[in-house]
Amino acid sequence: MARSHHRHKKYHPVQYHPVSSKSKRKTATTIFIIFLGIFGLGIGYFAAGSIASLIIGGIIGSVVGYLIGYNLDKMATRK
């Protein structure tokens, strides 16, 4: 009588990789840095119109974008 658990398995199990590369996990951070940086540049331009306000608005927008994107990426990896 043949015993099925001793038979040779014909197929290899499919290996599951939840995240294949690091760049796929950090997309929200990059997107929010770019969009909020441009948004900050626009606010700086319409608020004062000087070069200094453009630079400050872009920096503040990029920092806020990094913080929001980082938290979204962290929440996405918890699931």
PDB file of N, CA and C in Angstrom:
ATOM      1  N   MET A   1       0.847  -1.179   0.000  1.00  0.00           N
ATOM      2  CA  MET A   1       0.000   0.000   0.000  1.00  0.00           C
ATOM      3  C   MET A   1       0.890   1.239   0.000  1.00  0.00           C
ATOM      4  N   ALA A   2       0.625   2.143  -0.931  1.00  0.00           N
ATOM      5  CA  ALA A   2       1.441   3.353  -1.074  1.00  0.00           C
ATOM      6  C   ALA A   2       1.092   4.369   0.007  1.00  0.00           C
ATOM      7  N   ARG A   3       2.114   5.052   0.438  1.00  0.00           N
ATOM      8  CA  ARG A   3       1.917   6.089   1.451  1.00  0.00           C
ATOM      9  C   ARG A   3       2.156   7.447   0.794  1.00  0.00           C
ATOM     10  N   SER A   4       1.132   8.268   0.732  1.00  0.00           N
ATOM     11  CA  SER A   4       1.188   9.501  -0.052  1.00  0.00           C
ATOM     12  C   SER A   4       2.155  10.532   0.543  1.00  0.00           C
ATOM     13  N   HIS A   5       2.388  10.495   1.824  1.00  0.00           N
ATOM     14  CA  HIS A   5       3.270  11.510   2.390  1.00  0.00           C
ATOM     15  C   HIS A   5       4.745  11.216   2.105  1.00  0.00           C
ATOM     16  N   HIS A   6       5.071  10.074   1.545  1.00  0.00           N
ATOM     17  CA  HIS A   6       6.445   9.772   1.157  1.00  0.00           C
ATOM     18  C   HIS A   6       6.700  10.013  -0.325  1.00  0.00           C
ATOM     19  N   ARG A   7       5.692  10.369  -1.059  1.00  0.00           N
ATOM     20  CA  ARG A   7       5.854  10.592  -2.493  1.00  0.00           C
ATOM     21  C   ARG A   7       6.617  11.884  -2.758  1.00  0.00           C
ATOM     22  N   HIS A   8       7.257  11.891  -3.915  1.00  0.00           N
ATOM     23  CA  HIS A   8       8.009  13.078  -4.326  1.00  0.00           C
ATOM     24  C   HIS A   8       7.036  14.178  -4.733  1.00  0.00           C
ATOM     25  N   LYS A   9       7.217  15.359  -4.179  1.00  0.00           N
ATOM     26  CA  LYS A   9       6.369  16.482  -4.550  1.00  0.00           C
ATOM     27  C   LYS A   9       6.847  17.038  -5.879  1.00  0.00           C
ATOM     28  N   LYS A  10       5.936  17.286  -6.799  1.00  0.00           N
ATOM     29  CA  LYS A  10       6.300  17.674  -8.149  1.00  0.00           C
ATOM     30  C   LYS A  10       6.529  19.171  -8.309  1.00  0.00           C
ATOM     31  N   TYR A  11       5.956  19.956  -7.457  1.00  0.00           N
ATOM     32  CA  TYR A  11       6.041  21.407  -7.615  1.00  0.00           C
ATOM     33  C   TYR A  11       6.673  22.033  -6.382  1.00  0.00           C
ATOM     34  N   HIS A  12       7.428  23.097  -6.625  1.00  0.00           N
ATOM     35  CA  HIS A  12       8.008  23.843  -5.514  1.00  0.00           C
ATOM     36  C   HIS A  12       6.980  24.851  -5.014  1.00  0.00           C
ATOM     37  N   PRO A  13       6.950  25.082  -3.726  1.00  0.00           N
ATOM     38  CA  PRO A  13       6.000  26.085  -3.234  1.00  0.00           C
ATOM     39  C   PRO A  13       6.417  27.486  -3.703  1.00  0.00           C
ATOM     40  N   VAL A  14       5.445  28.310  -3.946  1.00  0.00           N
ATOM     41  CA  VAL A  14       5.711  29.674  -4.382  1.00  0.00           C
ATOM     42  C   VAL A  14       6.189  30.467  -3.177  1.00  0.00           C
ATOM     43  N   GLN A  15       7.317  31.132  -3.338  1.00  0.00           N
ATOM     44  CA  GLN A  15       7.839  31.928  -2.236  1.00  0.00           C
ATOM     45  C   GLN A  15       7.180  33.292  -2.250  1.00  0.00           C
ATOM     46  N   TYR A  16       6.745  33.724  -1.107  1.00  0.00           N
ATOM     47  CA  TYR A  16       6.027  34.975  -0.969  1.00  0.00           C
ATOM     48  C   TYR A  16       6.969  36.038  -0.413  1.00  0.00           C
ATOM     49  N   HIS A  17       7.073  37.138  -1.136  1.00  0.00           N
ATOM     50  CA  HIS A  17       7.872  38.271  -0.687  1.00  0.00           C
ATOM     51  C   HIS A  17       6.946  39.473  -0.579  1.00  0.00           C
ATOM     52  N   PRO A  18       6.594  39.893   0.639  1.00  0.00           N
ATOM     53  CA  PRO A  18       5.628  40.984   0.766  1.00  0.00           C
ATOM     54  C   PRO A  18       6.119  42.296   0.155  1.00  0.00           C
ATOM     55  N   VAL A  19       7.383  42.616   0.326  1.00  0.00           N
ATOM     56  CA  VAL A  19       7.945  43.825  -0.277  1.00  0.00           C
ATOM     57  C   VAL A  19       9.259  43.425  -0.914  1.00  0.00           C
ATOM     58  N   SER A  20       9.320  43.523  -2.229  1.00  0.00           N
ATOM     59  CA  SER A  20      10.505  43.033  -2.917  1.00  0.00           C
ATOM     60  C   SER A  20      11.658  44.023  -2.880  1.00  0.00           C
ATOM     61  N   SER A  21      11.367  45.306  -2.845  1.00  0.00           N
ATOM     62  CA  SER A  21      12.456  46.271  -2.819  1.00  0.00           C
ATOM     63  C   SER A  21      12.128  47.402  -1.860  1.00  0.00           C
ATOM     64  N   LYS A  22      13.169  48.098  -1.442  1.00  0.00           N
ATOM     65  CA  LYS A  22      12.991  49.171  -0.490  1.00  0.00           C
ATOM     66  C   LYS A  22      12.324  50.388  -1.123  1.00  0.00           C
ATOM     67  N   SER A  23      12.518  50.579  -2.416  1.00  0.00           N
ATOM     68  CA  SER A  23      11.951  51.754  -3.066  1.00  0.00           C
ATOM     69  C   SER A  23      10.427  51.700  -3.135  1.00  0.00           C
ATOM     70  N   LYS A  24       9.848  50.511  -3.154  1.00  0.00           N
ATOM     71  CA  LYS A  24       8.396  50.408  -3.201  1.00  0.00           C
ATOM     72  C   LYS A  24       7.763  50.824  -1.880  1.00  0.00           C
ATOM     73  N   ARG A  25       8.491  50.739  -0.806  1.00  0.00           N
ATOM     74  CA  ARG A  25       7.929  51.090   0.488  1.00  0.00           C
ATOM     75  C   ARG A  25       7.952  52.581   0.750  1.00  0.00           C
ATOM     76  N   LYS A  26       8.818  53.317   0.099  1.00  0.00           N
ATOM     77  CA  LYS A  26       9.010  54.726   0.403  1.00  0.00           C
ATOM     78  C   LYS A  26       8.388  55.657  -0.632  1.00  0.00           C
ATOM     79  N   THR A  27       7.340  55.237  -1.293  1.00  0.00           N
ATOM     80  CA  THR A  27       6.779  56.073  -2.345  1.00  0.00           C
ATOM     81  C   THR A  27       5.996  57.252  -1.793  1.00  0.00           C
ATOM     82  N   ALA A  28       5.297  57.080  -0.690  1.00  0.00           N
ATOM     83  CA  ALA A  28       4.495  58.174  -0.148  1.00  0.00           C
ATOM     84  C   ALA A  28       5.384  59.320   0.310  1.00  0.00           C
ATOM     85  N   THR A  29       6.532  59.013   0.878  1.00  0.00           N
ATOM     86  CA  THR A  29       7.445  60.056   1.336  1.00  0.00           C
ATOM     87  C   THR A  29       7.912  60.911   0.170  1.00  0.00           C
ATOM     88  N   THR A  30       8.328  60.291  -0.903  1.00  0.00           N
ATOM     89  CA  THR A  30       8.827  61.030  -2.062  1.00  0.00           C
ATOM     90  C   THR A  30       7.730  61.871  -2.696  1.00  0.00           C
ATOM     91  N   ILE A  31       6.555  61.306  -2.842  1.00  0.00           N
ATOM     92  CA  ILE A  31       5.448  62.029  -3.471  1.00  0.00           C
ATOM     93  C   ILE A  31       5.047  63.238  -2.636  1.00  0.00           C
ATOM     94  N   PHE A  32       4.941  63.073  -1.320  1.00  0.00           N
ATOM     95  CA  PHE A  32       4.540  64.189  -0.477  1.00  0.00           C
ATOM     96  C   PHE A  32       5.619  65.262  -0.400  1.00  0.00           C
ATOM     97  N   ILE A  33       6.891  64.886  -0.426  1.00  0.00           N
ATOM     98  CA  ILE A  33       7.956  65.893  -0.434  1.00  0.00           C
ATOM     99  C   ILE A  33       7.851  66.748  -1.689  1.00  0.00           C
ATOM    100  N   ILE A  34       7.658  66.120  -2.828  1.00  0.00           N
ATOM    101  CA  ILE A  34       7.593  66.872  -4.091  1.00  0.00           C
ATOM    102  C   ILE A  34       6.361  67.769  -4.131  1.00  0.00           C
ATOM    103  N   PHE A  35       5.184  67.206  -3.853  1.00  0.00           N
ATOM    104  CA  PHE A  35       3.961  67.994  -3.977  1.00  0.00           C
ATOM    105  C   PHE A  35       3.873  69.112  -2.940  1.00  0.00           C
ATOM    106  N   LEU A  36       4.200  68.828  -1.699  1.00  0.00           N
ATOM    107  CA  LEU A  36       4.107  69.880  -0.694  1.00  0.00           C
ATOM    108  C   LEU A  36       5.247  70.882  -0.819  1.00  0.00           C
ATOM    109  N   GLY A  37       6.382  70.474  -1.378  1.00  0.00           N
ATOM    110  CA  GLY A  37       7.450  71.436  -1.673  1.00  0.00           C
ATOM    111  C   GLY A  37       7.011  72.432  -2.731  1.00  0.00           C
ATOM    112  N   ILE A  38       6.363  71.943  -3.788  1.00  0.00           N
ATOM    113  CA  ILE A  38       5.841  72.835  -4.834  1.00  0.00           C
ATOM    114  C   ILE A  38       4.718  73.705  -4.276  1.00  0.00           C
ATOM    115  N   PHE A  39       3.877  73.127  -3.443  1.00  0.00           N
ATOM    116  CA  PHE A  39       2.803  73.892  -2.808  1.00  0.00           C
ATOM    117  C   PHE A  39       3.380  74.998  -1.923  1.00  0.00           C
ATOM    118  N   GLY A  40       4.438  74.691  -1.178  1.00  0.00           N
ATOM    119  CA  GLY A  40       5.094  75.700  -0.343  1.00  0.00           C
ATOM    120  C   GLY A  40       5.731  76.801  -1.170  1.00  0.00           C
ATOM    121  N   LEU A  41       6.295  76.433  -2.327  1.00  0.00           N
ATOM    122  CA  LEU A  41       6.840  77.455  -3.230  1.00  0.00           C
ATOM    123  C   LEU A  41       5.737  78.394  -3.713  1.00  0.00           C
ATOM    124  N   GLY A  42       4.592  77.835  -4.039  1.00  0.00           N
ATOM    125  CA  GLY A  42       3.466  78.657  -4.483  1.00  0.00           C
ATOM    126  C   GLY A  42       2.966  79.588  -3.401  1.00  0.00           C
ATOM    127  N   ILE A  43       2.877  79.083  -2.187  1.00  0.00           N
ATOM    128  CA  ILE A  43       2.440  79.933  -1.077  1.00  0.00           C
ATOM    129  C   ILE A  43       3.452  81.046  -0.829  1.00  0.00           C
ATOM    130  N   GLY A  44       4.734  80.708  -0.878  1.00  0.00           N
ATOM    131  CA  GLY A  44       5.766  81.733  -0.693  1.00  0.00           C
ATOM    132  C   GLY A  44       5.742  82.779  -1.788  1.00  0.00           C
ATOM    133  N   TYR A  45       5.454  82.370  -3.004  1.00  0.00           N
ATOM    134  CA  TYR A  45       5.402  83.315  -4.124  1.00  0.00           C
ATOM    135  C   TYR A  45       4.203  84.258  -3.996  1.00  0.00           C
ATOM    136  N   PHE A  46       3.038  83.701  -3.668  1.00  0.00           N
ATOM    137  CA  PHE A  46       1.849  84.544  -3.565  1.00  0.00           C
ATOM    138  C   PHE A  46       1.819  85.357  -2.277  1.00  0.00           C
ATOM    139  N   ALA A  47       2.516  84.921  -1.235  1.00  0.00           N
ATOM    140  CA  ALA A  47       2.514  85.663   0.025  1.00  0.00           C
ATOM    141  C   ALA A  47       3.376  86.915  -0.070  1.00  0.00           C
ATOM    142  N   ALA A  48       4.597  86.794  -0.571  1.00  0.00           N
ATOM    143  CA  ALA A  48       5.487  87.951  -0.587  1.00  0.00           C
ATOM    144  C   ALA A  48       6.102  88.191  -1.959  1.00  0.00           C
ATOM    145  N   GLY A  49       6.346  87.165  -2.710  1.00  0.00           N
ATOM    146  CA  GLY A  49       6.908  87.321  -4.042  1.00  0.00           C
ATOM    147  C   GLY A  49       8.412  87.468  -4.081  1.00  0.00           C
ATOM    148  N   SER A  50       9.069  87.390  -2.949  1.00  0.00           N
ATOM    149  CA  SER A  50      10.525  87.524  -2.940  1.00  0.00           C
ATOM    150  C   SER A  50      11.186  86.150  -2.992  1.00  0.00           C
ATOM    151  N   ILE A  51      12.468  86.145  -3.305  1.00  0.00           N
ATOM    152  CA  ILE A  51      13.228  84.895  -3.395  1.00  0.00           C
ATOM    153  C   ILE A  51      13.328  84.226  -2.026  1.00  0.00           C
ATOM    154  N   ALA A  52      13.501  85.020  -0.986  1.00  0.00           N
ATOM    155  CA  ALA A  52      13.625  84.453   0.361  1.00  0.00           C
ATOM    156  C   ALA A  52      12.347  83.725   0.767  1.00  0.00           C
ATOM    157  N   SER A  53      11.195  84.299   0.443  1.00  0.00           N
ATOM    158  CA  SER A  53       9.939  83.638   0.813  1.00  0.00           C
ATOM    159  C   SER A  53       9.720  82.367  -0.011  1.00  0.00           C
ATOM    160  N   LEU A  54      10.204  82.343  -1.260  1.00  0.00           N
ATOM    161  CA  LEU A  54      10.134  81.122  -2.067  1.00  0.00           C
ATOM    162  C   LEU A  54      10.965  80.005  -1.443  1.00  0.00           C
ATOM    163  N   ILE A  55      12.172  80.345  -1.019  1.00  0.00           N
ATOM    164  CA  ILE A  55      13.060  79.342  -0.419  1.00  0.00           C
ATOM    165  C   ILE A  55      12.484  78.823   0.890  1.00  0.00           C
ATOM    166  N   ILE A  56      12.028  79.734   1.735  1.00  0.00           N
ATOM    167  CA  ILE A  56      11.474  79.332   3.031  1.00  0.00           C
ATOM    168  C   ILE A  56      10.209  78.494   2.835  1.00  0.00           C
ATOM    169  N   GLY A  57       9.336  78.908   1.918  1.00  0.00           N
ATOM    170  CA  GLY A  57       8.114  78.143   1.648  1.00  0.00           C
ATOM    171  C   GLY A  57       8.414  76.757   1.111  1.00  0.00           C
ATOM    172  N   GLY A  58       9.401  76.650   0.222  1.00  0.00           N
ATOM    173  CA  GLY A  58       9.782  75.344  -0.317  1.00  0.00           C
ATOM    174  C   GLY A  58      10.367  74.425   0.734  1.00  0.00           C
ATOM    175  N   ILE A  59      11.207  74.979   1.601  1.00  0.00           N
ATOM    176  CA  ILE A  59      11.815  74.164   2.668  1.00  0.00           C
ATOM    177  C   ILE A  59      10.759  73.689   3.657  1.00  0.00           C
ATOM    178  N   ILE A  60       9.893  74.598   4.084  1.00  0.00           N
ATOM    179  CA  ILE A  60       8.856  74.210   5.045  1.00  0.00           C
ATOM    180  C   ILE A  60       7.900  73.187   4.422  1.00  0.00           C
ATOM    181  N   GLY A  61       7.520  73.393   3.166  1.00  0.00           N
ATOM    182  CA  GLY A  61       6.646  72.436   2.486  1.00  0.00           C
ATOM    183  C   GLY A  61       7.289  71.069   2.348  1.00  0.00           C
ATOM    184  N   SER A  62       8.585  71.033   2.057  1.00  0.00           N
ATOM    185  CA  SER A  62       9.285  69.750   1.921  1.00  0.00           C
ATOM    186  C   SER A  62       9.392  69.021   3.252  1.00  0.00           C
ATOM    187  N   VAL A  63       9.644  69.765   4.322  1.00  0.00           N
ATOM    188  CA  VAL A  63       9.742  69.138   5.647  1.00  0.00           C
ATOM    189  C   VAL A  63       8.389  68.566   6.065  1.00  0.00           C
ATOM    190  N   VAL A  64       7.330  69.339   5.855  1.00  0.00           N
ATOM    191  CA  VAL A  64       5.991  68.845   6.192  1.00  0.00           C
ATOM    192  C   VAL A  64       5.635  67.636   5.321  1.00  0.00           C
ATOM    193  N   GLY A  65       5.999  67.670   4.045  1.00  0.00           N
ATOM    194  CA  GLY A  65       5.759  66.536   3.155  1.00  0.00           C
ATOM    195  C   GLY A  65       6.506  65.295   3.590  1.00  0.00           C
ATOM    196  N   TYR A  66       7.743  65.468   4.067  1.00  0.00           N
ATOM    197  CA  TYR A  66       8.512  64.324   4.556  1.00  0.00           C
ATOM    198  C   TYR A  66       7.839  63.706   5.778  1.00  0.00           C
ATOM    199  N   LEU A  67       7.414  64.550   6.705  1.00  0.00           N
ATOM    200  CA  LEU A  67       6.797  64.033   7.928  1.00  0.00           C
ATOM    201  C   LEU A  67       5.486  63.302   7.628  1.00  0.00           C
ATOM    202  N   ILE A  68       4.656  63.865   6.767  1.00  0.00           N
ATOM    203  CA  ILE A  68       3.390  63.214   6.421  1.00  0.00           C
ATOM    204  C   ILE A  68       3.647  61.909   5.665  1.00  0.00           C
ATOM    205  N   GLY A  69       4.537  61.938   4.679  1.00  0.00           N
ATOM    206  CA  GLY A  69       4.837  60.734   3.905  1.00  0.00           C
ATOM    207  C   GLY A  69       5.472  59.640   4.741  1.00  0.00           C
ATOM    208  N   TYR A  70       6.352  60.019   5.662  1.00  0.00           N
ATOM    209  CA  TYR A  70       7.000  59.035   6.532  1.00  0.00           C
ATOM    210  C   TYR A  70       5.966  58.333   7.412  1.00  0.00           C
ATOM    211  N   ASN A  71       5.033  59.117   7.968  1.00  0.00           N
ATOM    212  CA  ASN A  71       4.001  58.512   8.810  1.00  0.00           C
ATOM    213  C   ASN A  71       3.063  57.619   8.001  1.00  0.00           C
ATOM    214  N   LEU A  72       2.744  58.006   6.771  1.00  0.00           N
ATOM    215  CA  LEU A  72       1.901  57.151   5.930  1.00  0.00           C
ATOM    216  C   LEU A  72       2.610  55.845   5.579  1.00  0.00           C
ATOM    217  N   ASP A  73       3.907  55.925   5.275  1.00  0.00           N
ATOM    218  CA  ASP A  73       4.658  54.701   4.981  1.00  0.00           C
ATOM    219  C   ASP A  73       4.741  53.797   6.202  1.00  0.00           C
ATOM    220  N   LYS A  74       4.890  54.402   7.367  1.00  0.00           N
ATOM    221  CA  LYS A  74       4.966  53.606   8.591  1.00  0.00           C
ATOM    222  C   LYS A  74       3.624  52.926   8.879  1.00  0.00           C
ATOM    223  N   MET A  75       2.522  53.632   8.630  1.00  0.00           N
ATOM    224  CA  MET A  75       1.204  53.028   8.828  1.00  0.00           C
ATOM    225  C   MET A  75       0.951  51.914   7.816  1.00  0.00           C
ATOM    226  N   ALA A  76       1.451  52.063   6.599  1.00  0.00           N
ATOM    227  CA  ALA A  76       1.240  51.045   5.566  1.00  0.00           C
ATOM    228  C   ALA A  76       2.009  49.767   5.865  1.00  0.00           C
ATOM    229  N   THR A  77       3.163  49.870   6.513  1.00  0.00           N
ATOM    230  CA  THR A  77       3.945  48.673   6.817  1.00  0.00           C
ATOM    231  C   THR A  77       3.421  47.945   8.047  1.00  0.00           C
ATOM    232  N   ARG A  78       2.590  48.572   8.859  1.00  0.00           N
ATOM    233  CA  ARG A  78       2.044  47.909  10.046  1.00  0.00           C
ATOM    234  C   ARG A  78       1.024  46.840   9.693  1.00  0.00           C
ATOM    235  N   LYS A  79       0.327  46.999   8.595  1.00  0.00           N
ATOM    236  CA  LYS A  79      -0.754  46.068   8.243  1.00  0.00           C
ATOM    237  C   LYS A  79      -0.238  44.747   7.929  1.00  0.00           C
TER     238      LYS A  79
END
